[in-house]
């Protein structure tokens, strides 16, 4: 069953079929799928929030335990009624959902103004809360070490050094 059909595209639950597209057409499809992804997260939360609000515990029957857990989506939808949602990703909203409304708005407004990624917003919040910034992954150093050692057995010391560098040691 097709969920979406337009022009040369057909989207169903398992796949996207692009029958034909020029490069320009293909590029123009991206915003559609970005919007669908965001709408899906909000829609999922709003759907289950409605069920929880109107049907109590019966709403749990609407999802299979093997499917994704709706609770994080409900939590974000509860924290941000539709009229409070800002023009920034659902993931940005998720990061600030635990704060009071004034702080949520402040963080999201700053993220929009400064064009922060989700990781940058998280880092700014951690800094504001006095948490240690996470170590940046030195990908070049790890790749170089991997290349140098590709034909050698890795020692426990090699493993420990990388884990320490990554902050997991």
Protein backbone atom coordinates (compact mmCIF):
# COMPACT_ATOMS: atom_id res chain seq x y z
CA UNK A 1 0.00 0.00 0.00
CA UNK A 2 1.38 3.38 -0.98
CA UNK A 3 1.42 6.04 1.72
CA UNK A 4 2.43 8.84 -0.61
CA UNK A 5 2.37 9.08 -4.39
CA UNK A 6 3.39 12.14 -6.32
CA UNK A 7 5.00 12.67 -9.68
CA UNK A 8 7.59 9.91 -10.02
CA UNK A 9 7.75 8.94 -6.34
CA UNK A 10 5.97 6.29 -4.37
CA UNK A 11 6.53 5.87 -0.64
CA UNK A 12 5.29 2.92 1.32
CA UNK A 13 6.12 1.51 4.75
CA UNK A 14 9.21 -0.32 3.51
CA UNK A 15 10.65 1.73 0.70
CA UNK A 16 10.83 4.78 -1.45
CA UNK A 17 10.69 4.20 -5.19
CA UNK A 18 11.84 7.01 -7.45
CA UNK A 19 10.81 5.99 -10.93
CA UNK A 20 12.83 8.72 -12.61
CA UNK A 21 14.13 12.13 -11.68
CA UNK A 22 16.53 14.73 -12.91
CA UNK A 23 19.23 15.84 -10.50
CA UNK A 24 17.26 19.05 -9.78
CA UNK A 25 14.05 17.11 -9.10
CA UNK A 26 15.92 14.71 -6.85
CA UNK A 27 17.39 17.65 -4.88
CA UNK A 28 13.93 19.19 -4.52
CA UNK A 29 12.54 16.00 -2.91
CA UNK A 30 14.87 16.32 0.11
CA UNK A 31 12.91 19.05 1.96
CA UNK A 32 9.77 16.94 1.61
CA UNK A 33 11.40 14.00 3.35
CA UNK A 34 13.01 16.20 5.98
CA UNK A 35 9.57 17.65 6.76
CA UNK A 36 8.00 14.19 6.84
CA UNK A 37 10.66 13.02 9.29
CA UNK A 38 9.99 15.93 11.65
CA UNK A 39 6.22 15.64 11.27
CA UNK A 40 6.46 11.92 11.99
CA UNK A 41 8.15 12.52 15.37
CA UNK A 42 5.63 15.17 16.41
CA UNK A 43 2.75 13.14 14.98
CA UNK A 44 3.80 10.01 16.83
CA UNK A 45 3.96 11.89 20.14
CA UNK A 46 0.72 13.78 19.53
CA UNK A 47 -1.08 10.58 18.50
CA UNK A 48 -0.15 8.72 21.68
CA UNK A 49 -0.64 11.81 23.87
CA UNK A 50 -4.20 12.07 22.57
CA UNK A 51 -4.73 8.38 23.35
CA UNK A 52 -3.24 8.73 26.83
CA UNK A 53 -5.33 11.83 27.56
CA UNK A 54 -8.63 10.54 26.19
CA UNK A 55 -8.45 6.80 26.77
CA UNK A 56 -6.30 6.35 29.87
CA UNK A 57 -4.53 3.04 30.08
CA UNK A 58 -6.45 1.70 27.10
CA UNK A 59 -4.22 3.77 24.82
CA UNK A 60 -1.40 1.29 25.41
CA UNK A 61 -3.32 -1.19 23.26
CA UNK A 62 -2.63 1.02 20.24
CA UNK A 63 0.98 -0.05 20.00
CA UNK A 64 2.80 -3.32 19.90
CA UNK A 65 5.48 -3.76 22.57
CA UNK A 66 7.90 -4.73 19.77
CA UNK A 67 7.52 -1.30 18.17
CA UNK A 68 9.34 1.82 19.28
CA UNK A 69 8.48 3.13 22.71
CA UNK A 70 6.11 6.12 22.43
CA UNK A 71 6.96 7.56 25.88
CA UNK A 72 9.83 9.86 24.75
CA UNK A 73 7.62 11.22 21.97
CA UNK A 74 4.69 11.74 24.36
CA UNK A 75 7.02 13.49 26.81
CA UNK A 76 8.18 16.01 24.20
CA UNK A 77 4.63 16.57 22.92
CA UNK A 78 3.47 17.21 26.51
CA UNK A 79 6.31 19.68 27.06
CA UNK A 80 5.50 21.59 23.85
CA UNK A 81 1.91 22.13 22.84
CA UNK A 82 1.61 22.75 19.07
CA UNK A 83 1.43 26.53 19.49
CA UNK A 84 4.70 26.56 21.51
CA UNK A 85 6.76 24.57 19.01
CA UNK A 86 9.53 26.52 17.36
CA UNK A 87 10.91 26.35 13.84
CA UNK A 88 13.74 24.03 14.80
CA UNK A 89 14.03 20.26 14.92
CA UNK A 90 12.10 17.94 17.20
CA UNK A 91 15.47 16.77 18.57
CA UNK A 92 16.28 20.31 19.73
CA UNK A 93 12.93 20.36 21.55
CA UNK A 94 13.67 16.96 23.11
CA UNK A 95 16.94 18.21 24.60
CA UNK A 96 15.27 21.12 26.42
CA UNK A 97 11.96 19.43 27.30
CA UNK A 98 13.05 18.79 30.90
CA UNK A 99 13.36 22.51 31.69
CA UNK A 100 10.63 24.98 32.72
CA UNK A 101 8.89 26.68 29.77
CA UNK A 102 10.82 29.95 30.08
CA UNK A 103 14.14 28.10 29.88
CA UNK A 104 12.91 25.91 27.04
CA UNK A 105 12.01 28.98 25.02
CA UNK A 106 15.27 30.70 25.88
CA UNK A 107 17.42 27.74 24.82
CA UNK A 108 15.47 27.16 21.61
CA UNK A 109 15.53 30.86 20.70
CA UNK A 110 19.32 30.91 21.18
CA UNK A 111 19.71 27.71 19.14
CA UNK A 112 17.68 29.26 16.31
CA UNK A 113 19.54 32.57 16.46
CA UNK A 114 22.98 30.96 16.54
CA UNK A 115 22.02 28.09 14.22
CA UNK A 116 23.23 25.45 16.68
CA UNK A 117 23.11 21.81 15.76
CA UNK A 118 21.60 19.42 18.30
CA UNK A 119 25.12 18.56 19.52
CA UNK A 120 26.02 22.24 19.88
CA UNK A 121 22.85 22.94 21.88
CA UNK A 122 23.61 20.01 24.17
CA UNK A 123 27.18 21.24 24.62
CA UNK A 124 26.04 24.80 25.42
CA UNK A 125 23.58 23.50 28.01
CA UNK A 126 26.27 21.31 29.57
CA UNK A 127 28.64 24.29 29.77
CA UNK A 128 25.93 26.46 31.34
CA UNK A 129 25.31 23.74 33.92
CA UNK A 130 29.04 23.50 34.70
CA UNK A 131 29.46 20.00 33.27
CA UNK A 132 32.75 18.91 31.75
CA UNK A 133 32.71 19.26 27.96
CA UNK A 134 33.04 15.96 26.18
CA UNK A 135 36.39 15.27 24.58
CA UNK A 136 36.41 15.72 20.85
CA UNK A 137 37.09 12.53 19.00
CA UNK A 138 40.42 12.81 17.21
CA UNK A 139 39.44 10.76 14.20
CA UNK A 140 42.68 11.41 12.33
CA UNK A 141 44.79 10.07 15.20
CA UNK A 142 42.67 6.92 15.48
CA UNK A 143 42.77 6.32 11.73
CA UNK A 144 46.54 6.85 11.67
CA UNK A 145 47.02 4.43 14.55
CA UNK A 146 44.78 1.92 12.80
CA UNK A 147 46.77 2.22 9.57
CA UNK A 148 50.07 1.83 11.40
CA UNK A 149 48.83 -1.24 13.24
CA UNK A 150 46.75 -2.84 10.53
CA UNK A 151 49.05 -5.83 10.14
CA UNK A 152 49.96 -6.10 13.80
CA UNK A 153 48.14 -7.59 16.75
CA UNK A 154 46.60 -4.92 18.94
CA UNK A 155 47.78 -5.06 22.50
CA UNK A 156 45.79 -4.37 25.61
CA UNK A 157 47.82 -1.16 25.96
CA UNK A 158 46.68 -0.05 22.46
CA UNK A 159 43.07 -0.67 23.38
CA UNK A 160 43.44 1.08 26.74
CA UNK A 161 45.09 4.11 25.12
CA UNK A 162 42.26 4.54 22.64
CA UNK A 163 39.60 4.03 25.31
CA UNK A 164 41.31 6.59 27.54
CA UNK A 165 41.48 9.05 24.64
CA UNK A 166 37.76 8.54 24.02
CA UNK A 167 36.98 9.07 27.68
CA UNK A 168 35.80 5.50 28.20
CA UNK A 169 38.87 4.16 29.90
